[in-house]
Amino acid sequence: GIDGIEAIYSTYKPADERYIRKIATKHKLLISGGYDYHGANKPDIELGTGRGHLFVPEEILTKIKEYKNNI
């Protein structure tokens, strides 16, 4: 099984994010976010920036940490 799904991503459209969040809720999955940084492999992407609009709320990390502390 899996514990979470990346619902927040710099190139997702709002509808994509809503759809993935709906799947996460249905299957009781954690939500994570990412921006596809891979160091020198993707030099056009800066650490913490990604492409397009990206904002991962602090509460996402808090929920992941809580989950990790309870397993």
Protein backbone atom coordinates (compact mmCIF):
# COMPACT_ATOMS: atom_id res chain seq x y z
CA GLY A 1 0.00 0.00 0.00
CA ILE A 2 0.85 3.65 -0.05
CA ASP A 3 0.51 6.33 2.60
CA GLY A 4 0.19 9.43 0.45
CA ILE A 5 -0.13 11.03 -2.95
CA GLU A 6 1.42 14.15 -4.47
CA ALA A 7 -1.59 16.42 -4.86
CA ILE A 8 0.27 19.72 -5.06
CA TYR A 9 2.62 20.11 -8.00
CA SER A 10 3.90 23.19 -9.79
CA THR A 11 2.35 22.38 -13.17
CA TYR A 12 -1.00 20.97 -11.98
CA LYS A 13 -4.05 22.94 -12.96
CA PRO A 14 -6.52 23.71 -10.14
CA ALA A 15 -8.85 20.99 -11.44
CA ASP A 16 -6.00 18.44 -11.34
CA GLU A 17 -5.24 19.28 -7.73
CA ARG A 18 -8.91 19.08 -6.73
CA TYR A 19 -9.22 15.68 -8.42
CA ILE A 20 -6.14 14.25 -6.70
CA ARG A 21 -7.22 15.65 -3.32
CA LYS A 22 -10.59 13.94 -3.83
CA ILE A 23 -8.81 10.63 -4.46
CA ALA A 24 -6.68 11.19 -1.34
CA THR A 25 -9.74 11.83 0.80
CA LYS A 26 -11.58 8.80 -0.61
CA HIS A 27 -8.65 6.48 0.13
CA LYS A 28 -7.52 8.19 3.37
CA LEU A 29 -4.12 9.12 1.92
CA LEU A 30 -1.76 11.83 3.06
CA ILE A 31 -1.27 14.73 0.66
CA SER A 32 2.19 15.88 -0.33
CA GLY A 33 3.55 18.49 -2.68
CA GLY A 34 6.57 18.76 -4.91
CA TYR A 35 8.31 20.89 -7.48
CA ASP A 36 10.47 18.36 -9.37
CA TYR A 37 13.90 19.62 -8.28
CA HIS A 38 16.63 17.10 -9.19
CA GLY A 39 19.82 19.17 -8.89
CA ALA A 40 22.11 19.34 -11.89
CA ASN A 41 19.86 16.88 -13.73
CA LYS A 42 17.28 19.67 -14.16
CA PRO A 43 19.27 22.94 -14.04
CA ASP A 44 16.26 25.08 -15.05
CA ILE A 45 14.48 24.25 -11.76
CA GLU A 46 15.69 26.00 -8.61
CA LEU A 47 15.40 24.41 -5.17
CA GLY A 48 12.06 25.41 -3.64
CA THR A 49 10.75 27.07 -6.80
CA GLY A 50 9.52 24.57 -9.35
CA ARG A 51 7.69 25.64 -12.47
CA GLY A 52 4.57 27.75 -12.49
CA HIS A 53 2.68 28.39 -9.26
CA LEU A 54 3.62 26.31 -6.25
CA PHE A 55 2.58 26.69 -2.65
CA VAL A 56 2.65 23.79 -0.19
CA PRO A 57 0.99 24.82 3.07
CA GLU A 58 2.82 24.16 6.35
CA GLU A 59 -0.12 22.01 7.48
CA ILE A 60 0.81 19.41 4.85
CA LEU A 61 4.20 18.86 6.51
CA THR A 62 2.60 18.88 9.96
CA LYS A 63 0.20 16.08 8.98
CA ILE A 64 3.02 14.01 7.48
CA LYS A 65 5.11 14.43 10.65
CA GLU A 66 2.15 13.48 12.86
CA TYR A 67 1.54 10.39 10.78
CA LYS A 68 5.20 9.40 10.92
CA ASN A 69 5.27 9.80 14.71
CA ASN A 70 2.25 7.52 15.06
CA ILE A 71 3.35 4.57 12.94
